[in-house]
Amino acid sequence: MPGAYEQAVPPQLPWPRALVYLSGVAEVVLGAGVLFERTRRQSAWGLIALLVAVFPANVYMAVDAGFELPGVSRALSDAALWARLPMQAVLVAWAWWYTDATPESGS
């Protein structure tokens, strides 16, 4: 659904579709990178950077009166868009947990 995500790109940024694809590929690659001890720390830092980079788009979606999540009511859409904002902090904290360079005990 790149079209729906393109609407989330603030109008000040160029090439919305390219940014959507780039962030999506980064999500998948960095998310997979956290699975492997060898790339875990670097991938976690990359995920933190990505989460910070996309935060303005999440704010834009929440405050833009014209944006709605497809397939849900307006009220539910608004609630979900606003709930995403503090969830970003939770996701950053989760990624931060994986930046620790000390190996896990037992692995």
PDB file of N, CA and C in Angstrom:
ATOM      1  N   MET A   1       0.820  -1.194   0.000  1.00  0.00           N
ATOM      2  CA  MET A   1       0.000   0.000   0.000  1.00  0.00           C
ATOM      3  C   MET A   1       0.868   1.265   0.000  1.00  0.00           C
ATOM      4  N   PRO A   2       1.772   1.397  -0.953  1.00  0.00           N
ATOM      5  CA  PRO A   2       2.641   2.577  -0.930  1.00  0.00           C
ATOM      6  C   PRO A   2       1.872   3.886  -1.041  1.00  0.00           C
ATOM      7  N   GLY A   3       0.721   3.868  -1.701  1.00  0.00           N
ATOM      8  CA  GLY A   3      -0.061   5.098  -1.840  1.00  0.00           C
ATOM      9  C   GLY A   3      -0.502   5.667  -0.503  1.00  0.00           C
ATOM     10  N   ALA A   4      -0.942   4.807   0.402  1.00  0.00           N
ATOM     11  CA  ALA A   4      -1.362   5.264   1.730  1.00  0.00           C
ATOM     12  C   ALA A   4      -0.180   5.837   2.498  1.00  0.00           C
ATOM     13  N   TYR A   5       0.971   5.197   2.384  1.00  0.00           N
ATOM     14  CA  TYR A   5       2.153   5.689   3.099  1.00  0.00           C
ATOM     15  C   TYR A   5       2.703   6.960   2.464  1.00  0.00           C
ATOM     16  N   GLU A   6       2.542   7.110   1.161  1.00  0.00           N
ATOM     17  CA  GLU A   6       2.975   8.343   0.499  1.00  0.00           C
ATOM     18  C   GLU A   6       2.263   9.557   1.089  1.00  0.00           C
ATOM     19  N   GLN A   7       1.002   9.388   1.455  1.00  0.00           N
ATOM     20  CA  GLN A   7       0.244  10.489   2.055  1.00  0.00           C
ATOM     21  C   GLN A   7       0.841  10.905   3.395  1.00  0.00           C
ATOM     22  N   ALA A   8       1.564   9.998   4.045  1.00  0.00           N
ATOM     23  CA  ALA A   8       2.154  10.286   5.348  1.00  0.00           C
ATOM     24  C   ALA A   8       3.433  11.100   5.235  1.00  0.00           C
ATOM     25  N   VAL A   9       4.024  11.140   4.048  1.00  0.00           N
ATOM     26  CA  VAL A   9       5.259  11.898   3.867  1.00  0.00           C
ATOM     27  C   VAL A   9       4.905  13.385   3.854  1.00  0.00           C
ATOM     28  N   PRO A  10       5.509  14.148   4.769  1.00  0.00           N
ATOM     29  CA  PRO A  10       5.215  15.594   4.782  1.00  0.00           C
ATOM     30  C   PRO A  10       5.514  16.218   3.424  1.00  0.00           C
ATOM     31  N   PRO A  11       4.695  17.170   3.007  1.00  0.00           N
ATOM     32  CA  PRO A  11       4.835  17.742   1.658  1.00  0.00           C
ATOM     33  C   PRO A  11       6.165  18.461   1.431  1.00  0.00           C
ATOM     34  N   GLN A  12       6.878  18.805   2.487  1.00  0.00           N
ATOM     35  CA  GLN A  12       8.170  19.477   2.333  1.00  0.00           C
ATOM     36  C   GLN A  12       9.254  18.529   1.827  1.00  0.00           C
ATOM     37  N   LEU A  13       9.029  17.231   1.919  1.00  0.00           N
ATOM     38  CA  LEU A  13      10.032  16.257   1.494  1.00  0.00           C
ATOM     39  C   LEU A  13       9.796  15.835   0.042  1.00  0.00           C
ATOM     40  N   PRO A  14      10.873  15.716  -0.720  1.00  0.00           N
ATOM     41  CA  PRO A  14      10.726  15.315  -2.127  1.00  0.00           C
ATOM     42  C   PRO A  14      10.576  13.799  -2.269  1.00  0.00           C
ATOM     43  N   TRP A  15      10.092  13.363  -3.395  1.00  0.00           N
ATOM     44  CA  TRP A  15      10.021  11.956  -3.799  1.00  0.00           C
ATOM     45  C   TRP A  15       9.369  11.048  -2.760  1.00  0.00           C
ATOM     46  N   PRO A  16       8.106  11.283  -2.432  1.00  0.00           N
ATOM     47  CA  PRO A  16       7.459  10.492  -1.387  1.00  0.00           C
ATOM     48  C   PRO A  16       7.492   8.983  -1.626  1.00  0.00           C
ATOM     49  N   ARG A  17       7.255   8.548  -2.857  1.00  0.00           N
ATOM     50  CA  ARG A  17       7.241   7.098  -3.106  1.00  0.00           C
ATOM     51  C   ARG A  17       8.624   6.498  -2.867  1.00  0.00           C
ATOM     52  N   ALA A  18       9.663   7.174  -3.310  1.00  0.00           N
ATOM     53  CA  ALA A  18      11.022   6.676  -3.096  1.00  0.00           C
ATOM     54  C   ALA A  18      11.332   6.610  -1.600  1.00  0.00           C
ATOM     55  N   LEU A  19      10.904   7.604  -0.849  1.00  0.00           N
ATOM     56  CA  LEU A  19      11.134   7.597   0.600  1.00  0.00           C
ATOM     57  C   LEU A  19      10.377   6.457   1.281  1.00  0.00           C
ATOM     58  N   VAL A  20       9.176   6.178   0.806  1.00  0.00           N
ATOM     59  CA  VAL A  20       8.384   5.079   1.366  1.00  0.00           C
ATOM     60  C   VAL A  20       9.090   3.750   1.113  1.00  0.00           C
ATOM     61  N   TYR A  21       9.532   3.536  -0.110  1.00  0.00           N
ATOM     62  CA  TYR A  21      10.229   2.284  -0.426  1.00  0.00           C
ATOM     63  C   TYR A  21      11.554   2.181   0.329  1.00  0.00           C
ATOM     64  N   LEU A  22      12.289   3.280   0.397  1.00  0.00           N
ATOM     65  CA  LEU A  22      13.572   3.281   1.095  1.00  0.00           C
ATOM     66  C   LEU A  22      13.389   2.955   2.581  1.00  0.00           C
ATOM     67  N   SER A  23      12.400   3.575   3.210  1.00  0.00           N
ATOM     68  CA  SER A  23      12.173   3.300   4.636  1.00  0.00           C
ATOM     69  C   SER A  23      11.677   1.862   4.835  1.00  0.00           C
ATOM     70  N   GLY A  24      10.880   1.362   3.926  1.00  0.00           N
ATOM     71  CA  GLY A  24      10.397  -0.010   4.032  1.00  0.00           C
ATOM     72  C   GLY A  24      11.521  -1.025   3.906  1.00  0.00           C
ATOM     73  N   VAL A  25      12.405  -0.813   2.943  1.00  0.00           N
ATOM     74  CA  VAL A  25      13.554  -1.709   2.772  1.00  0.00           C
ATOM     75  C   VAL A  25      14.450  -1.618   4.010  1.00  0.00           C
ATOM     76  N   ALA A  26      14.677  -0.409   4.500  1.00  0.00           N
ATOM     77  CA  ALA A  26      15.508  -0.238   5.702  1.00  0.00           C
ATOM     78  C   ALA A  26      14.897  -0.969   6.893  1.00  0.00           C
ATOM     79  N   GLU A  27      13.581  -0.882   7.046  1.00  0.00           N
ATOM     80  CA  GLU A  27      12.901  -1.594   8.142  1.00  0.00           C
ATOM     81  C   GLU A  27      13.157  -3.091   8.077  1.00  0.00           C
ATOM     82  N   VAL A  28      12.990  -3.656   6.904  1.00  0.00           N
ATOM     83  CA  VAL A  28      13.146  -5.106   6.739  1.00  0.00           C
ATOM     84  C   VAL A  28      14.603  -5.525   6.965  1.00  0.00           C
ATOM     85  N   VAL A  29      15.528  -4.819   6.335  1.00  0.00           N
ATOM     86  CA  VAL A  29      16.943  -5.176   6.448  1.00  0.00           C
ATOM     87  C   VAL A  29      17.431  -5.012   7.884  1.00  0.00           C
ATOM     88  N   LEU A  30      17.111  -3.877   8.499  1.00  0.00           N
ATOM     89  CA  LEU A  30      17.569  -3.643   9.874  1.00  0.00           C
ATOM     90  C   LEU A  30      16.873  -4.578  10.858  1.00  0.00           C
ATOM     91  N   GLY A  31      15.591  -4.831  10.637  1.00  0.00           N
ATOM     92  CA  GLY A  31      14.872  -5.771  11.495  1.00  0.00           C
ATOM     93  C   GLY A  31      15.471  -7.160  11.420  1.00  0.00           C
ATOM     94  N   ALA A  32      15.831  -7.589  10.224  1.00  0.00           N
ATOM     95  CA  ALA A  32      16.478  -8.893  10.062  1.00  0.00           C
ATOM     96  C   ALA A  32      17.871  -8.878  10.685  1.00  0.00           C
ATOM     97  N   GLY A  33      18.555  -7.744  10.598  1.00  0.00           N
ATOM     98  CA  GLY A  33      19.899  -7.633  11.151  1.00  0.00           C
ATOM     99  C   GLY A  33      19.949  -7.811  12.654  1.00  0.00           C
ATOM    100  N   VAL A  34      18.864  -7.485  13.335  1.00  0.00           N
ATOM    101  CA  VAL A  34      18.827  -7.635  14.794  1.00  0.00           C
ATOM    102  C   VAL A  34      18.770  -9.110  15.191  1.00  0.00           C
ATOM    103  N   LEU A  35      18.390  -9.962  14.275  1.00  0.00           N
ATOM    104  CA  LEU A  35      18.289 -11.385  14.572  1.00  0.00           C
ATOM    105  C   LEU A  35      19.651 -12.063  14.719  1.00  0.00           C
ATOM    106  N   PHE A  36      20.681 -11.451  14.158  1.00  0.00           N
ATOM    107  CA  PHE A  36      22.005 -12.069  14.137  1.00  0.00           C
ATOM    108  C   PHE A  36      22.968 -11.303  15.037  1.00  0.00           C
ATOM    109  N   GLU A  37      23.650 -12.033  15.898  1.00  0.00           N
ATOM    110  CA  GLU A  37      24.540 -11.394  16.869  1.00  0.00           C
ATOM    111  C   GLU A  37      25.585 -10.514  16.193  1.00  0.00           C
ATOM    112  N   ARG A  38      26.068 -10.956  15.062  1.00  0.00           N
ATOM    113  CA  ARG A  38      27.128 -10.221  14.354  1.00  0.00           C
ATOM    114  C   ARG A  38      26.690  -8.823  13.915  1.00  0.00           C
ATOM    115  N   THR A  39      25.427  -8.666  13.538  1.00  0.00           N
ATOM    116  CA  THR A  39      24.929  -7.382  13.035  1.00  0.00           C
ATOM    117  C   THR A  39      23.930  -6.717  13.978  1.00  0.00           C
ATOM    118  N   ARG A  40      23.673  -7.322  15.114  1.00  0.00           N
ATOM    119  CA  ARG A  40      22.620  -6.857  16.021  1.00  0.00           C
ATOM    120  C   ARG A  40      22.820  -5.406  16.462  1.00  0.00           C
ATOM    121  N   ARG A  41      23.994  -5.082  16.935  1.00  0.00           N
ATOM    122  CA  ARG A  41      24.219  -3.740  17.487  1.00  0.00           C
ATOM    123  C   ARG A  41      24.081  -2.659  16.404  1.00  0.00           C
ATOM    124  N   GLN A  42      24.713  -2.868  15.257  1.00  0.00           N
ATOM    125  CA  GLN A  42      24.633  -1.882  14.174  1.00  0.00           C
ATOM    126  C   GLN A  42      23.203  -1.747  13.659  1.00  0.00           C
ATOM    127  N   SER A  43      22.507  -2.860  13.561  1.00  0.00           N
ATOM    128  CA  SER A  43      21.119  -2.826  13.087  1.00  0.00           C
ATOM    129  C   SER A  43      20.223  -2.095  14.074  1.00  0.00           C
ATOM    130  N   ALA A  44      20.463  -2.313  15.365  1.00  0.00           N
ATOM    131  CA  ALA A  44      19.661  -1.628  16.380  1.00  0.00           C
ATOM    132  C   ALA A  44      19.864  -0.121  16.296  1.00  0.00           C
ATOM    133  N   TRP A  45      21.115   0.320  16.126  1.00  0.00           N
ATOM    134  CA  TRP A  45      21.366   1.758  15.960  1.00  0.00           C
ATOM    135  C   TRP A  45      20.693   2.271  14.692  1.00  0.00           C
ATOM    136  N   GLY A  46      20.719   1.481  13.637  1.00  0.00           N
ATOM    137  CA  GLY A  46      20.030   1.875  12.401  1.00  0.00           C
ATOM    138  C   GLY A  46      18.531   1.990  12.601  1.00  0.00           C
ATOM    139  N   LEU A  47      17.951   1.065  13.366  1.00  0.00           N
ATOM    140  CA  LEU A  47      16.514   1.131  13.658  1.00  0.00           C
ATOM    141  C   LEU A  47      16.174   2.371  14.478  1.00  0.00           C
ATOM    142  N   ILE A  48      17.035   2.709  15.426  1.00  0.00           N
ATOM    143  CA  ILE A  48      16.800   3.929  16.208  1.00  0.00           C
ATOM    144  C   ILE A  48      16.809   5.140  15.286  1.00  0.00           C
ATOM    145  N   ALA A  49      17.803   5.207  14.402  1.00  0.00           N
ATOM    146  CA  ALA A  49      17.875   6.323  13.452  1.00  0.00           C
ATOM    147  C   ALA A  49      16.639   6.362  12.551  1.00  0.00           C
ATOM    148  N   LEU A  50      16.201   5.204  12.094  1.00  0.00           N
ATOM    149  CA  LEU A  50      15.018   5.140  11.236  1.00  0.00           C
ATOM    150  C   LEU A  50      13.771   5.602  11.985  1.00  0.00           C
ATOM    151  N   LEU A  51      13.599   5.141  13.218  1.00  0.00           N
ATOM    152  CA  LEU A  51      12.432   5.542  14.011  1.00  0.00           C
ATOM    153  C   LEU A  51      12.412   7.053  14.252  1.00  0.00           C
ATOM    154  N   VAL A  52      13.581   7.618  14.499  1.00  0.00           N
ATOM    155  CA  VAL A  52      13.662   9.075  14.682  1.00  0.00           C
ATOM    156  C   VAL A  52      13.358   9.778  13.359  1.00  0.00           C
ATOM    157  N   ALA A  53      13.861   9.238  12.262  1.00  0.00           N
ATOM    158  CA  ALA A  53      13.653   9.858  10.947  1.00  0.00           C
ATOM    159  C   ALA A  53      12.192   9.841  10.514  1.00  0.00           C
ATOM    160  N   VAL A  54      11.456   8.778  10.844  1.00  0.00           N
ATOM    161  CA  VAL A  54      10.054   8.708  10.405  1.00  0.00           C
ATOM    162  C   VAL A  54       9.086   9.345  11.399  1.00  0.00           C
ATOM    163  N   PHE A  55       9.583   9.753  12.565  1.00  0.00           N
ATOM    164  CA  PHE A  55       8.698  10.355  13.562  1.00  0.00           C
ATOM    165  C   PHE A  55       7.952  11.587  13.021  1.00  0.00           C
ATOM    166  N   PRO A  56       8.608  12.485  12.279  1.00  0.00           N
ATOM    167  CA  PRO A  56       7.853  13.620  11.728  1.00  0.00           C
ATOM    168  C   PRO A  56       6.681  13.192  10.835  1.00  0.00           C
ATOM    169  N   ALA A  57       6.837  12.101  10.117  1.00  0.00           N
ATOM    170  CA  ALA A  57       5.728  11.611   9.285  1.00  0.00           C
ATOM    171  C   ALA A  57       4.582  11.129  10.166  1.00  0.00           C
ATOM    172  N   ASN A  58       4.904  10.485  11.289  1.00  0.00           N
ATOM    173  CA  ASN A  58       3.847  10.043  12.205  1.00  0.00           C
ATOM    174  C   ASN A  58       3.117  11.225  12.828  1.00  0.00           C
ATOM    175  N   VAL A  59       3.859  12.267  13.174  1.00  0.00           N
ATOM    176  CA  VAL A  59       3.226  13.487  13.698  1.00  0.00           C
ATOM    177  C   VAL A  59       2.347  14.098  12.614  1.00  0.00           C
ATOM    178  N   TYR A  60       2.865  14.186  11.410  1.00  0.00           N
ATOM    179  CA  TYR A  60       2.103  14.753  10.293  1.00  0.00           C
ATOM    180  C   TYR A  60       0.793  14.002  10.086  1.00  0.00           C
ATOM    181  N   MET A  61       0.838  12.664  10.148  1.00  0.00           N
ATOM    182  CA  MET A  61      -0.386  11.872   9.976  1.00  0.00           C
ATOM    183  C   MET A  61      -1.379  12.160  11.094  1.00  0.00           C
ATOM    184  N   ALA A  62      -0.891  12.301  12.321  1.00  0.00           N
ATOM    185  CA  ALA A  62      -1.789  12.505  13.464  1.00  0.00           C
ATOM    186  C   ALA A  62      -2.448  13.883  13.435  1.00  0.00           C
ATOM    187  N   VAL A  63      -1.726  14.901  13.010  1.00  0.00           N
ATOM    188  CA  VAL A  63      -2.287  16.256  13.050  1.00  0.00           C
ATOM    189  C   VAL A  63      -2.981  16.660  11.757  1.00  0.00           C
ATOM    190  N   ASP A  64      -2.720  15.958  10.664  1.00  0.00           N
ATOM    191  CA  ASP A  64      -3.362  16.290   9.399  1.00  0.00           C
ATOM    192  C   ASP A  64      -4.795  15.767   9.395  1.00  0.00           C
ATOM    193  N   ALA A  65      -5.747  16.665   9.348  1.00  0.00           N
ATOM    194  CA  ALA A  65      -7.162  16.296   9.448  1.00  0.00           C
ATOM    195  C   ALA A  65      -7.633  15.427   8.291  1.00  0.00           C
ATOM    196  N   GLY A  66      -6.914  15.414   7.182  1.00  0.00           N
ATOM    197  CA  GLY A  66      -7.364  14.661   6.023  1.00  0.00           C
ATOM    198  C   GLY A  66      -6.847  13.239   5.953  1.00  0.00           C
ATOM    199  N   PHE A  67      -5.971  12.851   6.856  1.00  0.00           N
ATOM    200  CA  PHE A  67      -5.384  11.521   6.767  1.00  0.00           C
ATOM    201  C   PHE A  67      -6.221  10.518   7.541  1.00  0.00           C
ATOM    202  N   GLU A  68      -6.541   9.403   6.897  1.00  0.00           N
ATOM    203  CA  GLU A  68      -7.276   8.316   7.555  1.00  0.00           C
ATOM    204  C   GLU A  68      -6.618   6.997   7.219  1.00  0.00           C
ATOM    205  N   LEU A  69      -6.586   6.101   8.191  1.00  0.00           N
ATOM    206  CA  LEU A  69      -6.108   4.752   7.918  1.00  0.00           C
ATOM    207  C   LEU A  69      -7.166   4.043   7.088  1.00  0.00           C
ATOM    208  N   PRO A  70      -6.764   3.338   6.045  1.00  0.00           N
ATOM    209  CA  PRO A  70      -7.742   2.673   5.196  1.00  0.00           C
ATOM    210  C   PRO A  70      -8.485   1.563   5.945  1.00  0.00           C
ATOM    211  N   GLY A  71      -9.793   1.486   5.721  1.00  0.00           N
ATOM    212  CA  GLY A  71     -10.599   0.392   6.244  1.00  0.00           C
ATOM    213  C   GLY A  71     -11.065   0.519   7.686  1.00  0.00           C
ATOM    214  N   VAL A  72     -10.835   1.667   8.329  1.00  0.00           N
ATOM    215  CA  VAL A  72     -11.306   1.849   9.703  1.00  0.00           C
ATOM    216  C   VAL A  72     -12.065   3.166   9.825  1.00  0.00           C
ATOM    217  N   SER A  73     -12.873   3.267  10.874  1.00  0.00           N
ATOM    218  CA  SER A  73     -13.656   4.487  11.076  1.00  0.00           C
ATOM    219  C   SER A  73     -12.731   5.664  11.371  1.00  0.00           C
ATOM    220  N   ARG A  74     -13.257   6.860  11.172  1.00  0.00           N
ATOM    221  CA  ARG A  74     -12.470   8.078  11.418  1.00  0.00           C
ATOM    222  C   ARG A  74     -12.001   8.146  12.869  1.00  0.00           C
ATOM    223  N   ALA A  75     -12.878   7.852  13.822  1.00  0.00           N
ATOM    224  CA  ALA A  75     -12.524   7.931  15.243  1.00  0.00           C
ATOM    225  C   ALA A  75     -11.422   6.929  15.582  1.00  0.00           C
ATOM    226  N   LEU A  76     -11.548   5.708  15.079  1.00  0.00           N
ATOM    227  CA  LEU A  76     -10.538   4.691  15.338  1.00  0.00           C
ATOM    228  C   LEU A  76      -9.226   5.058  14.650  1.00  0.00           C
ATOM    229  N   SER A  77      -9.317   5.592  13.459  1.00  0.00           N
ATOM    230  CA  SER A  77      -8.137   6.032  12.733  1.00  0.00           C
ATOM    231  C   SER A  77      -7.396   7.110  13.514  1.00  0.00           C
ATOM    232  N   ASP A  78      -8.125   8.119  13.994  1.00  0.00           N
ATOM    233  CA  ASP A  78      -7.506   9.197  14.775  1.00  0.00           C
ATOM    234  C   ASP A  78      -6.843   8.650  16.027  1.00  0.00           C
ATOM    235  N   ALA A  79      -7.525   7.762  16.728  1.00  0.00           N
ATOM    236  CA  ALA A  79      -6.976   7.190  17.957  1.00  0.00           C
ATOM    237  C   ALA A  79      -5.696   6.411  17.657  1.00  0.00           C
ATOM    238  N   ALA A  80      -5.705   5.630  16.603  1.00  0.00           N
ATOM    239  CA  ALA A  80      -4.524   4.833  16.247  1.00  0.00           C
ATOM    240  C   ALA A  80      -3.357   5.725  15.842  1.00  0.00           C
ATOM    241  N   LEU A  81      -3.643   6.782  15.105  1.00  0.00           N
ATOM    242  CA  LEU A  81      -2.573   7.680  14.670  1.00  0.00           C
ATOM    243  C   LEU A  81      -1.931   8.401  15.854  1.00  0.00           C
ATOM    244  N   TRP A  82      -2.738   8.806  16.820  1.00  0.00           N
ATOM    245  CA  TRP A  82      -2.185   9.460  18.015  1.00  0.00           C
ATOM    246  C   TRP A  82      -1.474   8.448  18.911  1.00  0.00           C
ATOM    247  N   ALA A  83      -1.956   7.220  18.961  1.00  0.00           N
ATOM    248  CA  ALA A  83      -1.323   6.190  19.791  1.00  0.00           C
ATOM    249  C   ALA A  83       0.056   5.808  19.248  1.00  0.00           C
ATOM    250  N   ARG A  84       0.249   5.991  17.954  1.00  0.00           N
ATOM    251  CA  ARG A  84       1.547   5.681  17.349  1.00  0.00           C
ATOM    252  C   ARG A  84       2.665   6.547  17.909  1.00  0.00           C
ATOM    253  N   LEU A  85       2.339   7.767  18.290  1.00  0.00           N
ATOM    254  CA  LEU A  85       3.391   8.698  18.712  1.00  0.00           C
ATOM    255  C   LEU A  85       4.137   8.215  19.957  1.00  0.00           C
ATOM    256  N   PRO A  86       3.442   7.910  21.065  1.00  0.00           N
ATOM    257  CA  PRO A  86       4.200   7.391  22.215  1.00  0.00           C
ATOM    258  C   PRO A  86       4.760   5.984  21.956  1.00  0.00           C
ATOM    259  N   MET A  87       4.142   5.242  21.050  1.00  0.00           N
ATOM    260  CA  MET A  87       4.644   3.913  20.720  1.00  0.00           C
ATOM    261  C   MET A  87       6.030   4.001  20.088  1.00  0.00           C
ATOM    262  N   GLN A  88       6.315   5.104  19.400  1.00  0.00           N
ATOM    263  CA  GLN A  88       7.646   5.286  18.826  1.00  0.00           C
ATOM    264  C   GLN A  88       8.711   5.259  19.922  1.00  0.00           C
ATOM    265  N   ALA A  89       8.416   5.886  21.071  1.00  0.00           N
ATOM    266  CA  ALA A  89       9.375   5.882  22.183  1.00  0.00           C
ATOM    267  C   ALA A  89       9.606   4.460  22.692  1.00  0.00           C
ATOM    268  N   VAL A  90       8.550   3.681  22.757  1.00  0.00           N
ATOM    269  CA  VAL A  90       8.668   2.285  23.182  1.00  0.00           C
ATOM    270  C   VAL A  90       9.549   1.512  22.194  1.00  0.00           C
ATOM    271  N   LEU A  91       9.347   1.735  20.911  1.00  0.00           N
ATOM    272  CA  LEU A  91      10.136   1.038  19.895  1.00  0.00           C
ATOM    273  C   LEU A  91      11.604   1.464  19.925  1.00  0.00           C
ATOM    274  N   VAL A  92      11.853   2.750  20.169  1.00  0.00           N
ATOM    275  CA  VAL A  92      13.231   3.227  20.294  1.00  0.00           C
ATOM    276  C   VAL A  92      13.892   2.561  21.502  1.00  0.00           C
ATOM    277  N   ALA A  93      13.177   2.502  22.633  1.00  0.00           N
ATOM    278  CA  ALA A  93      13.724   1.859  23.830  1.00  0.00           C
ATOM    279  C   ALA A  93      14.017   0.378  23.567  1.00  0.00           C
ATOM    280  N   TRP A  94      13.129  -0.267  22.847  1.00  0.00           N
ATOM    281  CA  TRP A  94      13.317  -1.678  22.513  1.00  0.00           C
ATOM    282  C   TRP A  94      14.573  -1.852  21.648  1.00  0.00           C
ATOM    283  N   ALA A  95      14.725  -1.015  20.644  1.00  0.00           N
ATOM    284  CA  ALA A  95      15.913  -1.083  19.788  1.00  0.00           C
ATOM    285  C   ALA A  95      17.166  -0.756  20.606  1.00  0.00           C
ATOM    286  N   TRP A  96      17.054   0.221  21.501  1.00  0.00           N
ATOM    287  CA  TRP A  96      18.193   0.620  22.337  1.00  0.00           C
ATOM    288  C   TRP A  96      18.701  -0.577  23.147  1.00  0.00           C
ATOM    289  N   TRP A  97      17.792  -1.399  23.601  1.00  0.00           N
ATOM    290  CA  TRP A  97      18.140  -2.586  24.371  1.00  0.00           C
ATOM    291  C   TRP A  97      19.106  -3.479  23.590  1.00  0.00           C
ATOM    292  N   TYR A  98      18.974  -3.508  22.270  1.00  0.00           N
ATOM    293  CA  TYR A  98      19.821  -4.340  21.426  1.00  0.00           C
ATOM    294  C   TYR A  98      21.150  -3.680  21.066  1.00  0.00           C
ATOM    295  N   THR A  99      21.390  -2.438  21.513  1.00  0.00           N
ATOM    296  CA  THR A  99      22.667  -1.780  21.227  1.00  0.00           C
ATOM    297  C   THR A  99      23.745  -2.191  22.212  1.00  0.00           C
ATOM    298  N   ASP A 100      23.383  -2.892  23.274  1.00  0.00           N
ATOM    299  CA  ASP A 100      24.350  -3.346  24.261  1.00  0.00           C
ATOM    300  C   ASP A 100      25.309  -4.333  23.604  1.00  0.00           C
ATOM    301  N   ALA A 101      26.583  -4.057  23.716  1.00  0.00           N
ATOM    302  CA  ALA A 101      27.590  -4.888  23.047  1.00  0.00           C
ATOM    303  C   ALA A 101      27.933  -6.153  23.825  1.00  0.00           C
ATOM    304  N   THR A 102      27.502  -6.249  25.084  1.00  0.00           N
ATOM    305  CA  THR A 102      27.834  -7.445  25.849  1.00  0.00           C
ATOM    306  C   THR A 102      26.969  -8.606  25.389  1.00  0.00           C
ATOM    307  N   PRO A 103      27.577  -9.763  25.149  1.00  0.00           N
ATOM    308  CA  PRO A 103      26.782 -10.920  24.703  1.00  0.00           C
ATOM    309  C   PRO A 103      25.819 -11.358  25.795  1.00  0.00           C
ATOM    310  N   GLU A 104      24.697 -11.854  25.354  1.00  0.00           N
ATOM    311  CA  GLU A 104      23.690 -12.360  26.306  1.00  0.00           C
ATOM    312  C   GLU A 104      24.228 -13.599  26.976  1.00  0.00           C
ATOM    313  N   SER A 105      23.886 -13.772  28.233  1.00  0.00           N
ATOM    314  CA  SER A 105      24.346 -14.962  28.931  1.00  0.00           C
ATOM    315  C   SER A 105      23.641 -16.190  28.353  1.00  0.00           C
ATOM    316  N   GLY A 106      24.415 -17.243  28.165  1.00  0.00           N
ATOM    317  CA  GLY A 106      23.850 -18.476  27.658  1.00  0.00           C
ATOM    318  C   GLY A 106      23.803 -18.560  26.151  1.00  0.00           C
ATOM    319  N   SER A 107      24.252 -17.504  25.427  1.00  0.00           N
ATOM    320  CA  SER A 107      24.224 -17.599  23.965  1.00  0.00           C
ATOM    321  C   SER A 107      25.594 -17.637  23.361  1.00  0.00           C
TER     322      SER A 107
END
